[in-house]
Amino acid sequence: MKIELYPVGMVKKSNQDCQEIEIYEDFSKALEGIESFKYLWVLFWLHKISPEDRKILQVHPQGNFSIPKRGVFTTRSPARPNLIGLTKVEFLKKEGNVIFVRGLDALEGSPILDIKCF
C-alpha cells in the first residue's frame, strides 16, 4: 500500500507568543469558518528528523535517562516511524490565508498536513 500526503501549508513563523501558519492558496477556501473555533488540532511533518531516527522505537521520556525507556507510541518524542506531529493549539486570528495560533511546537518551515477543529 502506498500512502501519499500533500502539504496544505507551512509554518511561516514560530516564536514563544504566536506562530503563523500559511495555508497554500489552493487550500485557502478550507479556512472558511475557522474563526468560530477557539482550539485546533494541527498535523505537521517533522521535517528535521533524520532517517535513522525513524528506526528508534524506544526512548527515555523527555530525554531523561533516569526514566526507563518506553515505546515511542507512549511518548511525544519526535523520533518515530512516521514523522507526523500533532499539536492542539489556541486559534488567535486569521488574516487572508494565514492563521495565527499559540502553542504550536512545529519548527519554521514545517509542512502542514492538516488542520482540524477541536
PDB file of N, CA and C in Angstrom:
ATOM      1  N   MET A   1       0.838  -1.167   0.000  1.00  0.00           N
ATOM      2  CA  MET A   1       0.000   0.000   0.000  1.00  0.00           C
ATOM      3  C   MET A   1       0.888   1.238   0.000  1.00  0.00           C
ATOM      4  N   LYS A   2       0.554   2.173  -0.846  1.00  0.00           N
ATOM      5  CA  LYS A   2       1.294   3.430  -0.905  1.00  0.00           C
ATOM      6  C   LYS A   2       0.389   4.535  -0.363  1.00  0.00           C
ATOM      7  N   ILE A   3       0.946   5.359   0.498  1.00  0.00           N
ATOM      8  CA  ILE A   3       0.207   6.485   1.070  1.00  0.00           C
ATOM      9  C   ILE A   3       0.896   7.763   0.631  1.00  0.00           C
ATOM     10  N   GLU A   4       0.133   8.692   0.101  1.00  0.00           N
ATOM     11  CA  GLU A   4       0.693   9.980  -0.300  1.00  0.00           C
ATOM     12  C   GLU A   4       0.057  11.087   0.530  1.00  0.00           C
ATOM     13  N   LEU A   5       0.886  11.974   1.015  1.00  0.00           N
ATOM     14  CA  LEU A   5       0.422  13.142   1.762  1.00  0.00           C
ATOM     15  C   LEU A   5       0.811  14.389   0.991  1.00  0.00           C
ATOM     16  N   TYR A   6      -0.056  15.376   1.014  1.00  0.00           N
ATOM     17  CA  TYR A   6       0.218  16.636   0.337  1.00  0.00           C
ATOM     18  C   TYR A   6       0.168  17.761   1.363  1.00  0.00           C
ATOM     19  N   PRO A   7       1.227  18.530   1.498  1.00  0.00           N
ATOM     20  CA  PRO A   7       1.181  19.660   2.420  1.00  0.00           C
ATOM     21  C   PRO A   7       0.116  20.660   1.987  1.00  0.00           C
ATOM     22  N   VAL A   8      -0.612  21.181   2.972  1.00  0.00           N
ATOM     23  CA  VAL A   8      -1.623  22.207   2.694  1.00  0.00           C
ATOM     24  C   VAL A   8      -1.109  23.590   3.065  1.00  0.00           C
ATOM     25  N   GLY A   9       0.053  23.637   3.707  1.00  0.00           N
ATOM     26  CA  GLY A   9       0.633  24.903   4.125  1.00  0.00           C
ATOM     27  C   GLY A   9       1.979  24.680   4.777  1.00  0.00           C
ATOM     28  N   MET A  10       2.448  25.744   5.443  1.00  0.00           N
ATOM     29  CA  MET A  10       3.770  25.691   6.060  1.00  0.00           C
ATOM     30  C   MET A  10       3.799  26.618   7.275  1.00  0.00           C
ATOM     31  N   VAL A  11       4.578  26.217   8.279  1.00  0.00           N
ATOM     32  CA  VAL A  11       4.798  27.102   9.422  1.00  0.00           C
ATOM     33  C   VAL A  11       5.676  28.236   8.931  1.00  0.00           C
ATOM     34  N   LYS A  12       5.118  29.435   8.971  1.00  0.00           N
ATOM     35  CA  LYS A  12       5.806  30.610   8.435  1.00  0.00           C
ATOM     36  C   LYS A  12       6.698  31.256   9.490  1.00  0.00           C
ATOM     37  N   LYS A  13       6.194  31.314  10.708  1.00  0.00           N
ATOM     38  CA  LYS A  13       6.925  31.978  11.784  1.00  0.00           C
ATOM     39  C   LYS A  13       6.581  31.271  13.084  1.00  0.00           C
ATOM     40  N   SER A  14       7.590  31.041  13.899  1.00  0.00           N
ATOM     41  CA  SER A  14       7.360  30.359  15.165  1.00  0.00           C
ATOM     42  C   SER A  14       8.178  31.032  16.255  1.00  0.00           C
ATOM     43  N   ASN A  15       7.489  31.559  17.251  1.00  0.00           N
ATOM     44  CA  ASN A  15       8.169  32.102  18.427  1.00  0.00           C
ATOM     45  C   ASN A  15       7.348  31.761  19.663  1.00  0.00           C
ATOM     46  N   GLN A  16       7.757  32.220  20.805  1.00  0.00           N
ATOM     47  CA  GLN A  16       7.111  31.857  22.070  1.00  0.00           C
ATOM     48  C   GLN A  16       5.640  32.260  22.140  1.00  0.00           C
ATOM     49  N   ASP A  17       5.323  33.465  21.673  1.00  0.00           N
ATOM     50  CA  ASP A  17       3.986  34.012  21.882  1.00  0.00           C
ATOM     51  C   ASP A  17       2.976  33.637  20.811  1.00  0.00           C
ATOM     52  N   CYS A  18       3.426  33.530  19.574  1.00  0.00           N
ATOM     53  CA  CYS A  18       2.494  33.363  18.463  1.00  0.00           C
ATOM     54  C   CYS A  18       3.196  32.665  17.307  1.00  0.00           C
ATOM     55  N   GLN A  19       2.464  31.772  16.657  1.00  0.00           N
ATOM     56  CA  GLN A  19       3.005  31.093  15.492  1.00  0.00           C
ATOM     57  C   GLN A  19       2.097  31.393  14.301  1.00  0.00           C
ATOM     58  N   GLU A  20       2.697  31.508  13.135  1.00  0.00           N
ATOM     59  CA  GLU A  20       1.942  31.790  11.910  1.00  0.00           C
ATOM     60  C   GLU A  20       1.996  30.576  11.001  1.00  0.00           C
ATOM     61  N   ILE A  21       0.824  30.183  10.528  1.00  0.00           N
ATOM     62  CA  ILE A  21       0.719  29.085   9.573  1.00  0.00           C
ATOM     63  C   ILE A  21       0.150  29.650   8.287  1.00  0.00           C
ATOM     64  N   GLU A  22       0.922  29.537   7.219  1.00  0.00           N
ATOM     65  CA  GLU A  22       0.441  29.979   5.913  1.00  0.00           C
ATOM     66  C   GLU A  22      -0.180  28.784   5.205  1.00  0.00           C
ATOM     67  N   ILE A  23      -1.437  28.917   4.836  1.00  0.00           N
ATOM     68  CA  ILE A  23      -2.126  27.881   4.069  1.00  0.00           C
ATOM     69  C   ILE A  23      -1.968  28.233   2.598  1.00  0.00           C
ATOM     70  N   TYR A  24      -1.560  27.253   1.802  1.00  0.00           N
ATOM     71  CA  TYR A  24      -1.357  27.498   0.376  1.00  0.00           C
ATOM     72  C   TYR A  24      -2.668  27.919  -0.284  1.00  0.00           C
ATOM     73  N   GLU A  25      -2.553  28.790  -1.275  1.00  0.00           N
ATOM     74  CA  GLU A  25      -3.716  29.354  -1.976  1.00  0.00           C
ATOM     75  C   GLU A  25      -4.711  28.287  -2.403  1.00  0.00           C
ATOM     76  N   ASP A  26      -4.220  27.164  -2.922  1.00  0.00           N
ATOM     77  CA  ASP A  26      -5.116  26.097  -3.390  1.00  0.00           C
ATOM     78  C   ASP A  26      -6.036  25.571  -2.293  1.00  0.00           C
ATOM     79  N   PHE A  27      -5.652  25.775  -1.033  1.00  0.00           N
ATOM     80  CA  PHE A  27      -6.419  25.251   0.093  1.00  0.00           C
ATOM     81  C   PHE A  27      -7.041  26.353   0.948  1.00  0.00           C
ATOM     82  N   SER A  28      -6.925  27.614   0.541  1.00  0.00           N
ATOM     83  CA  SER A  28      -7.373  28.729   1.382  1.00  0.00           C
ATOM     84  C   SER A  28      -8.876  28.688   1.667  1.00  0.00           C
ATOM     85  N   LYS A  29      -9.683  28.164   0.747  1.00  0.00           N
ATOM     86  CA  LYS A  29     -11.129  28.073   0.997  1.00  0.00           C
ATOM     87  C   LYS A  29     -11.450  27.116   2.143  1.00  0.00           C
ATOM     88  N   ALA A  30     -10.547  26.224   2.457  1.00  0.00           N
ATOM     89  CA  ALA A  30     -10.748  25.284   3.561  1.00  0.00           C
ATOM     90  C   ALA A  30     -10.696  25.981   4.922  1.00  0.00           C
ATOM     91  N   LEU A  31     -10.243  27.236   4.959  1.00  0.00           N
ATOM     92  CA  LEU A  31     -10.192  28.001   6.210  1.00  0.00           C
ATOM     93  C   LEU A  31     -11.523  28.667   6.550  1.00  0.00           C
ATOM     94  N   GLU A  32     -12.465  28.658   5.629  1.00  0.00           N
ATOM     95  CA  GLU A  32     -13.732  29.352   5.854  1.00  0.00           C
ATOM     96  C   GLU A  32     -14.425  28.809   7.106  1.00  0.00           C
ATOM     97  N   GLY A  33     -14.754  29.712   8.029  1.00  0.00           N
ATOM     98  CA  GLY A  33     -15.429  29.354   9.267  1.00  0.00           C
ATOM     99  C   GLY A  33     -14.507  29.019  10.419  1.00  0.00           C
ATOM    100  N   ILE A  34     -13.208  29.055  10.195  1.00  0.00           N
ATOM    101  CA  ILE A  34     -12.257  28.658  11.240  1.00  0.00           C
ATOM    102  C   ILE A  34     -12.304  29.600  12.447  1.00  0.00           C
ATOM    103  N   GLU A  35     -12.751  30.847  12.213  1.00  0.00           N
ATOM    104  CA  GLU A  35     -12.797  31.833  13.303  1.00  0.00           C
ATOM    105  C   GLU A  35     -13.758  31.431  14.418  1.00  0.00           C
ATOM    106  N   SER A  36     -14.664  30.520  14.159  1.00  0.00           N
ATOM    107  CA  SER A  36     -15.647  30.140  15.179  1.00  0.00           C
ATOM    108  C   SER A  36     -15.098  29.113  16.171  1.00  0.00           C
ATOM    109  N   PHE A  37     -13.833  28.741  16.026  1.00  0.00           N
ATOM    110  CA  PHE A  37     -13.236  27.761  16.931  1.00  0.00           C
ATOM    111  C   PHE A  37     -12.121  28.394  17.757  1.00  0.00           C
ATOM    112  N   LYS A  38     -12.055  28.000  19.027  1.00  0.00           N
ATOM    113  CA  LYS A  38     -11.013  28.519  19.917  1.00  0.00           C
ATOM    114  C   LYS A  38      -9.747  27.656  19.844  1.00  0.00           C
ATOM    115  N   TYR A  39      -9.929  26.349  19.613  1.00  0.00           N
ATOM    116  CA  TYR A  39      -8.789  25.435  19.569  1.00  0.00           C
ATOM    117  C   TYR A  39      -8.817  24.621  18.280  1.00  0.00           C
ATOM    118  N   LEU A  40      -7.621  24.254  17.824  1.00  0.00           N
ATOM    119  CA  LEU A  40      -7.460  23.471  16.603  1.00  0.00           C
ATOM    120  C   LEU A  40      -6.425  22.373  16.842  1.00  0.00           C
ATOM    121  N   TRP A  41      -6.557  21.286  16.105  1.00  0.00           N
ATOM    122  CA  TRP A  41      -5.503  20.283  16.018  1.00  0.00           C
ATOM    123  C   TRP A  41      -4.715  20.575  14.752  1.00  0.00           C
ATOM    124  N   VAL A  42      -3.412  20.635  14.852  1.00  0.00           N
ATOM    125  CA  VAL A  42      -2.558  20.858  13.687  1.00  0.00           C
ATOM    126  C   VAL A  42      -1.678  19.623  13.508  1.00  0.00           C
ATOM    127  N   LEU A  43      -1.763  19.024  12.325  1.00  0.00           N
ATOM    128  CA  LEU A  43      -0.910  17.890  11.968  1.00  0.00           C
ATOM    129  C   LEU A  43       0.179  18.403  11.035  1.00  0.00           C
ATOM    130  N   PHE A  44       1.419  18.059  11.320  1.00  0.00           N
ATOM    131  CA  PHE A  44       2.537  18.573  10.532  1.00  0.00           C
ATOM    132  C   PHE A  44       3.587  17.491  10.357  1.00  0.00           C
ATOM    133  N   TRP A  45       4.488  17.723   9.419  1.00  0.00           N
ATOM    134  CA  TRP A  45       5.560  16.777   9.126  1.00  0.00           C
ATOM    135  C   TRP A  45       6.816  17.209   9.871  1.00  0.00           C
ATOM    136  N   LEU A  46       7.415  16.290  10.611  1.00  0.00           N
ATOM    137  CA  LEU A  46       8.636  16.559  11.371  1.00  0.00           C
ATOM    138  C   LEU A  46       9.830  16.503  10.415  1.00  0.00           C
ATOM    139  N   HIS A  47       9.989  17.563   9.642  1.00  0.00           N
ATOM    140  CA  HIS A  47      10.918  17.571   8.511  1.00  0.00           C
ATOM    141  C   HIS A  47      12.399  17.597   8.876  1.00  0.00           C
ATOM    142  N   LYS A  48      12.738  17.841  10.119  1.00  0.00           N
ATOM    143  CA  LYS A  48      14.151  17.903  10.511  1.00  0.00           C
ATOM    144  C   LYS A  48      14.654  16.590  11.126  1.00  0.00           C
ATOM    145  N   ILE A  49      13.797  15.589  11.208  1.00  0.00           N
ATOM    146  CA  ILE A  49      14.191  14.311  11.800  1.00  0.00           C
ATOM    147  C   ILE A  49      14.930  13.473  10.754  1.00  0.00           C
ATOM    148  N   SER A  50      16.028  12.852  11.173  1.00  0.00           N
ATOM    149  CA  SER A  50      16.849  12.067  10.243  1.00  0.00           C
ATOM    150  C   SER A  50      16.212  10.701   9.967  1.00  0.00           C
ATOM    151  N   PRO A  51      16.558  10.091   8.836  1.00  0.00           N
ATOM    152  CA  PRO A  51      16.054   8.739   8.537  1.00  0.00           C
ATOM    153  C   PRO A  51      16.422   7.721   9.626  1.00  0.00           C
ATOM    154  N   GLU A  52      17.574   7.900  10.263  1.00  0.00           N
ATOM    155  CA  GLU A  52      17.986   6.984  11.329  1.00  0.00           C
ATOM    156  C   GLU A  52      17.043   7.074  12.524  1.00  0.00           C
ATOM    157  N   ASP A  53      16.573   8.289  12.829  1.00  0.00           N
ATOM    158  CA  ASP A  53      15.676   8.467  13.973  1.00  0.00           C
ATOM    159  C   ASP A  53      14.325   7.794  13.752  1.00  0.00           C
ATOM    160  N   ARG A  54      13.954   7.547  12.509  1.00  0.00           N
ATOM    161  CA  ARG A  54      12.692   6.853  12.227  1.00  0.00           C
ATOM    162  C   ARG A  54      12.740   5.400  12.683  1.00  0.00           C
ATOM    163  N   LYS A  55      13.954   4.879  12.884  1.00  0.00           N
ATOM    164  CA  LYS A  55      14.125   3.486  13.304  1.00  0.00           C
ATOM    165  C   LYS A  55      14.082   3.328  14.820  1.00  0.00           C
ATOM    166  N   ILE A  56      14.135   4.431  15.547  1.00  0.00           N
ATOM    167  CA  ILE A  56      14.125   4.386  17.013  1.00  0.00           C
ATOM    168  C   ILE A  56      12.709   4.059  17.480  1.00  0.00           C
ATOM    169  N   LEU A  57      12.579   2.990  18.262  1.00  0.00           N
ATOM    170  CA  LEU A  57      11.260   2.569  18.732  1.00  0.00           C
ATOM    171  C   LEU A  57      11.069   2.744  20.231  1.00  0.00           C
ATOM    172  N   GLN A  58      12.173   2.986  20.963  1.00  0.00           N
ATOM    173  CA  GLN A  58      12.086   3.218  22.402  1.00  0.00           C
ATOM    174  C   GLN A  58      12.974   4.403  22.767  1.00  0.00           C
ATOM    175  N   VAL A  59      12.493   5.214  23.699  1.00  0.00           N
ATOM    176  CA  VAL A  59      13.238   6.395  24.144  1.00  0.00           C
ATOM    177  C   VAL A  59      13.061   6.571  25.643  1.00  0.00           C
ATOM    178  N   HIS A  60      13.964   7.336  26.240  1.00  0.00           N
ATOM    179  CA  HIS A  60      13.776   7.791  27.612  1.00  0.00           C
ATOM    180  C   HIS A  60      12.850   9.008  27.524  1.00  0.00           C
ATOM    181  N   PRO A  61      11.669   8.971  28.143  1.00  0.00           N
ATOM    182  CA  PRO A  61      10.749  10.109  28.055  1.00  0.00           C
ATOM    183  C   PRO A  61      11.433  11.426  28.417  1.00  0.00           C
ATOM    184  N   GLN A  62      11.179  12.434  27.622  1.00  0.00           N
ATOM    185  CA  GLN A  62      11.713  13.787  27.799  1.00  0.00           C
ATOM    186  C   GLN A  62      13.239  13.802  27.804  1.00  0.00           C
ATOM    187  N   GLY A  63      13.865  12.761  27.247  1.00  0.00           N
ATOM    188  CA  GLY A  63      15.322  12.682  27.207  1.00  0.00           C
ATOM    189  C   GLY A  63      15.958  12.474  28.570  1.00  0.00           C
ATOM    190  N   ASN A  64      15.158  12.107  29.565  1.00  0.00           N
ATOM    191  CA  ASN A  64      15.630  11.929  30.933  1.00  0.00           C
ATOM    192  C   ASN A  64      16.062  10.474  31.124  1.00  0.00           C
ATOM    193  N   PHE A  65      17.372  10.254  31.219  1.00  0.00           N
ATOM    194  CA  PHE A  65      17.909   8.901  31.312  1.00  0.00           C
ATOM    195  C   PHE A  65      17.592   8.212  32.639  1.00  0.00           C
ATOM    196  N   SER A  66      17.092   8.954  33.632  1.00  0.00           N
ATOM    197  CA  SER A  66      16.697   8.315  34.889  1.00  0.00           C
ATOM    198  C   SER A  66      15.318   7.659  34.765  1.00  0.00           C
ATOM    199  N   ILE A  67      14.606   7.960  33.690  1.00  0.00           N
ATOM    200  CA  ILE A  67      13.307   7.331  33.431  1.00  0.00           C
ATOM    201  C   ILE A  67      13.546   6.159  32.480  1.00  0.00           C
ATOM    202  N   PRO A  68      13.027   4.989  32.812  1.00  0.00           N
ATOM    203  CA  PRO A  68      13.231   3.834  31.922  1.00  0.00           C
ATOM    204  C   PRO A  68      12.679   4.092  30.518  1.00  0.00           C
ATOM    205  N   LYS A  69      13.297   3.429  29.547  1.00  0.00           N
ATOM    206  CA  LYS A  69      12.844   3.572  28.162  1.00  0.00           C
ATOM    207  C   LYS A  69      11.401   3.090  28.028  1.00  0.00           C
ATOM    208  N   ARG A  70      10.685   3.775  27.116  1.00  0.00           N
ATOM    209  CA  ARG A  70       9.312   3.393  26.776  1.00  0.00           C
ATOM    210  C   ARG A  70       9.182   3.413  25.265  1.00  0.00           C
ATOM    211  N   GLY A  71       8.163   2.759  24.767  1.00  0.00           N
ATOM    212  CA  GLY A  71       7.894   2.776  23.335  1.00  0.00           C
ATOM    213  C   GLY A  71       7.508   4.172  22.880  1.00  0.00           C
ATOM    214  N   VAL A  72       7.938   4.551  21.675  1.00  0.00           N
ATOM    215  CA  VAL A  72       7.679   5.914  21.189  1.00  0.00           C
ATOM    216  C   VAL A  72       6.187   6.214  21.066  1.00  0.00           C
ATOM    217  N   PHE A  73       5.339   5.186  20.910  1.00  0.00           N
ATOM    218  CA  PHE A  73       3.902   5.432  20.819  1.00  0.00           C
ATOM    219  C   PHE A  73       3.316   5.896  22.152  1.00  0.00           C
ATOM    220  N   THR A  74       4.093   5.780  23.235  1.00  0.00           N
ATOM    221  CA  THR A  74       3.626   6.233  24.552  1.00  0.00           C
ATOM    222  C   THR A  74       4.293   7.541  24.971  1.00  0.00           C
ATOM    223  N   THR A  75       4.970   8.194  24.033  1.00  0.00           N
ATOM    224  CA  THR A  75       5.663   9.453  24.328  1.00  0.00           C
ATOM    225  C   THR A  75       5.349  10.490  23.251  1.00  0.00           C
ATOM    226  N   ARG A  76       5.828  11.705  23.485  1.00  0.00           N
ATOM    227  CA  ARG A  76       5.711  12.765  22.476  1.00  0.00           C
ATOM    228  C   ARG A  76       7.036  12.957  21.736  1.00  0.00           C
ATOM    229  N   SER A  77       7.880  11.972  21.774  1.00  0.00           N
ATOM    230  CA  SER A  77       9.177  12.047  21.099  1.00  0.00           C
ATOM    231  C   SER A  77       8.993  12.299  19.607  1.00  0.00           C
ATOM    232  N   PRO A  78       9.819  13.178  19.016  1.00  0.00           N
ATOM    233  CA  PRO A  78       9.741  13.387  17.569  1.00  0.00           C
ATOM    234  C   PRO A  78      10.329  12.217  16.777  1.00  0.00           C
ATOM    235  N   ALA A  79      11.126  11.373  17.424  1.00  0.00           N
ATOM    236  CA  ALA A  79      11.676  10.192  16.750  1.00  0.00           C
ATOM    237  C   ALA A  79      10.584   9.133  16.721  1.00  0.00           C
ATOM    238  N   ARG A  80      10.086   8.831  15.521  1.00  0.00           N
ATOM    239  CA  ARG A  80       9.003   7.863  15.369  1.00  0.00           C
ATOM    240  C   ARG A  80       9.003   7.309  13.955  1.00  0.00           C
ATOM    241  N   PRO A  81       8.349   6.174  13.742  1.00  0.00           N
ATOM    242  CA  PRO A  81       8.357   5.568  12.405  1.00  0.00           C
ATOM    243  C   PRO A  81       7.802   6.484  11.321  1.00  0.00           C
ATOM    244  N   ASN A  82       6.716   7.158  11.592  1.00  0.00           N
ATOM    245  CA  ASN A  82       6.145   8.127  10.653  1.00  0.00           C
ATOM    246  C   ASN A  82       6.252   9.498  11.289  1.00  0.00           C
ATOM    247  N   LEU A  83       6.791  10.427  10.570  1.00  0.00           N
ATOM    248  CA  LEU A  83       7.171  11.725  11.130  1.00  0.00           C
ATOM    249  C   LEU A  83       6.008  12.710  11.173  1.00  0.00           C
ATOM    250  N   ILE A  84       4.891  12.256  11.721  1.00  0.00           N
ATOM    251  CA  ILE A  84       3.711  13.111  11.816  1.00  0.00           C
ATOM    252  C   ILE A  84       3.644  13.701  13.215  1.00  0.00           C
ATOM    253  N   GLY A  85       3.632  15.032  13.284  1.00  0.00           N
ATOM    254  CA  GLY A  85       3.478  15.730  14.547  1.00  0.00           C
ATOM    255  C   GLY A  85       2.035  16.165  14.715  1.00  0.00           C
ATOM    256  N   LEU A  86       1.585  16.243  15.958  1.00  0.00           N
ATOM    257  CA  LEU A  86       0.216  16.643  16.272  1.00  0.00           C
ATOM    258  C   LEU A  86       0.247  17.551  17.486  1.00  0.00           C
ATOM    259  N   THR A  87      -0.372  18.718  17.367  1.00  0.00           N
ATOM    260  CA  THR A  87      -0.414  19.659  18.481  1.00  0.00           C
ATOM    261  C   THR A  87      -1.779  20.324  18.545  1.00  0.00           C
ATOM    262  N   LYS A  88      -2.300  20.424  19.771  1.00  0.00           N
ATOM    263  CA  LYS A  88      -3.514  21.216  19.998  1.00  0.00           C
ATOM    264  C   LYS A  88      -3.059  22.653  20.211  1.00  0.00           C
ATOM    265  N   VAL A  89      -3.626  23.579  19.433  1.00  0.00           N
ATOM    266  CA  VAL A  89      -3.231  24.985  19.522  1.00  0.00           C
ATOM    267  C   VAL A  89      -4.441  25.858  19.807  1.00  0.00           C
ATOM    268  N   GLU A  90      -4.163  27.035  20.323  1.00  0.00           N
ATOM    269  CA  GLU A  90      -5.200  28.049  20.503  1.00  0.00           C
ATOM    270  C   GLU A  90      -5.237  28.911  19.243  1.00  0.00           C
ATOM    271  N   PHE A  91      -6.412  29.025  18.647  1.00  0.00           N
ATOM    272  CA  PHE A  91      -6.585  29.868  17.463  1.00  0.00           C
ATOM    273  C   PHE A  91      -6.680  31.320  17.918  1.00  0.00           C
ATOM    274  N   LEU A  92      -5.898  32.205  17.303  1.00  0.00           N
ATOM    275  CA  LEU A  92      -5.901  33.622  17.663  1.00  0.00           C
ATOM    276  C   LEU A  92      -6.634  34.465  16.628  1.00  0.00           C
ATOM    277  N   LYS A  93      -6.252  34.337  15.357  1.00  0.00           N
ATOM    278  CA  LYS A  93      -6.906  35.121  14.304  1.00  0.00           C
ATOM    279  C   LYS A  93      -6.512  34.582  12.940  1.00  0.00           C
ATOM    280  N   LYS A  94      -7.225  35.066  11.928  1.00  0.00           N
ATOM    281  CA  LYS A  94      -6.937  34.705  10.544  1.00  0.00           C
ATOM    282  C   LYS A  94      -6.800  35.983   9.747  1.00  0.00           C
ATOM    283  N   GLU A  95      -5.769  36.065   8.936  1.00  0.00           N
ATOM    284  CA  GLU A  95      -5.573  37.182   8.011  1.00  0.00           C
ATOM    285  C   GLU A  95      -5.316  36.593   6.634  1.00  0.00           C
ATOM    286  N   GLY A  96      -6.322  36.639   5.779  1.00  0.00           N
ATOM    287  CA  GLY A  96      -6.191  36.034   4.451  1.00  0.00           C
ATOM    288  C   GLY A  96      -6.001  34.538   4.574  1.00  0.00           C
ATOM    289  N   ASN A  97      -4.893  34.045   4.031  1.00  0.00           N
ATOM    290  CA  ASN A  97      -4.618  32.610   4.106  1.00  0.00           C
ATOM    291  C   ASN A  97      -3.593  32.267   5.192  1.00  0.00           C
ATOM    292  N   VAL A  98      -3.422  33.169   6.161  1.00  0.00           N
ATOM    293  CA  VAL A  98      -2.505  32.936   7.282  1.00  0.00           C
ATOM    294  C   VAL A  98      -3.317  32.876   8.568  1.00  0.00           C
ATOM    295  N   ILE A  99      -3.077  31.823   9.363  1.00  0.00           N
ATOM    296  CA  ILE A  99      -3.711  31.766  10.672  1.00  0.00           C
ATOM    297  C   ILE A  99      -2.638  31.933  11.738  1.00  0.00           C
ATOM    298  N   PHE A 100      -3.031  32.590  12.808  1.00  0.00           N
ATOM    299  CA  PHE A 100      -2.151  32.865  13.932  1.00  0.00           C
ATOM    300  C   PHE A 100      -2.628  32.007  15.095  1.00  0.00           C
ATOM    301  N   VAL A 101      -1.702  31.247  15.677  1.00  0.00           N
ATOM    302  CA  VAL A 101      -2.047  30.320  16.746  1.00  0.00           C
ATOM    303  C   VAL A 101      -1.033  30.434  17.877  1.00  0.00           C
ATOM    304  N   ARG A 102      -1.384  29.838  19.006  1.00  0.00           N
ATOM    305  CA  ARG A 102      -0.461  29.779  20.150  1.00  0.00           C
ATOM    306  C   ARG A 102      -0.359  28.322  20.595  1.00  0.00           C
ATOM    307  N   GLY A 103       0.881  27.873  20.826  1.00  0.00           N
ATOM    308  CA  GLY A 103       1.101  26.536  21.357  1.00  0.00           C
ATOM    309  C   GLY A 103       1.600  25.519  20.350  1.00  0.00           C
ATOM    310  N   LEU A 104       1.881  25.949  19.138  1.00  0.00           N
ATOM    311  CA  LEU A 104       2.367  25.024  18.105  1.00  0.00           C
ATOM    312  C   LEU A 104       3.832  24.694  18.365  1.00  0.00           C
ATOM    313  N   ASP A 105       4.153  23.412  18.440  1.00  0.00           N
ATOM    314  CA  ASP A 105       5.548  23.033  18.690  1.00  0.00           C
ATOM    315  C   ASP A 105       6.268  22.577  17.423  1.00  0.00           C
ATOM    316  N   ALA A 106       5.797  23.025  16.275  1.00  0.00           N
ATOM    317  CA  ALA A 106       6.470  22.747  15.000  1.00  0.00           C
ATOM    318  C   ALA A 106       7.498  23.842  14.720  1.00  0.00           C
ATOM    319  N   LEU A 107       8.509  23.495  13.964  1.00  0.00           N
ATOM    320  CA  LEU A 107       9.554  24.448  13.599  1.00  0.00           C
ATOM    321  C   LEU A 107       9.155  25.248  12.363  1.00  0.00           C
ATOM    322  N   GLU A 108       9.773  26.420  12.216  1.00  0.00           N
ATOM    323  CA  GLU A 108       9.566  27.193  10.989  1.00  0.00           C
ATOM    324  C   GLU A 108       9.941  26.327   9.796  1.00  0.00           C
ATOM    325  N   GLY A 109       9.121  26.376   8.768  1.00  0.00           N
ATOM    326  CA  GLY A 109       9.357  25.576   7.575  1.00  0.00           C
ATOM    327  C   GLY A 109       8.707  24.206   7.609  1.00  0.00           C
ATOM    328  N   SER A 110       8.132  23.822   8.754  1.00  0.00           N
ATOM    329  CA  SER A 110       7.468  22.514   8.827  1.00  0.00           C
ATOM    330  C   SER A 110       6.250  22.490   7.916  1.00  0.00           C
ATOM    331  N   PRO A 111       6.127  21.468   7.077  1.00  0.00           N
ATOM    332  CA  PRO A 111       4.942  21.343   6.228  1.00  0.00           C
ATOM    333  C   PRO A 111       3.707  21.007   7.072  1.00  0.00           C
ATOM    334  N   ILE A 112       2.614  21.686   6.806  1.00  0.00           N
ATOM    335  CA  ILE A 112       1.342  21.418   7.482  1.00  0.00           C
ATOM    336  C   ILE A 112       0.592  20.381   6.656  1.00  0.00           C
ATOM    337  N   LEU A 113       0.149  19.306   7.323  1.00  0.00           N
ATOM    338  CA  LEU A 113      -0.566  18.233   6.636  1.00  0.00           C
ATOM    339  C   LEU A 113      -2.077  18.404   6.723  1.00  0.00           C
ATOM    340  N   ASP A 114      -2.556  18.913   7.856  1.00  0.00           N
ATOM    341  CA  ASP A 114      -3.995  19.073   8.035  1.00  0.00           C
ATOM    342  C   ASP A 114      -4.256  19.917   9.272  1.00  0.00           C
ATOM    343  N   ILE A 115      -5.450  20.476   9.326  1.00  0.00           N
ATOM    344  CA  ILE A 115      -5.920  21.232  10.485  1.00  0.00           C
ATOM    345  C   ILE A 115      -7.335  20.750  10.757  1.00  0.00           C
ATOM    346  N   LYS A 116      -7.628  20.483  12.016  1.00  0.00           N
ATOM    347  CA  LYS A 116      -8.970  20.032  12.389  1.00  0.00           C
ATOM    348  C   LYS A 116      -9.442  20.845  13.583  1.00  0.00           C
ATOM    349  N   CYS A 117     -10.729  21.154  13.592  1.00  0.00           N
ATOM    350  CA  CYS A 117     -11.277  21.912  14.716  1.00  0.00           C
ATOM    351  C   CYS A 117     -11.335  21.015  15.951  1.00  0.00           C
ATOM    352  N   PHE A 118     -11.320  21.649  17.115  1.00  0.00           N
ATOM    353  CA  PHE A 118     -11.366  20.920  18.385  1.00  0.00           C
ATOM    354  C   PHE A 118     -12.588  21.382  19.140  1.00  0.00           C
TER     355      PHE A 118
END
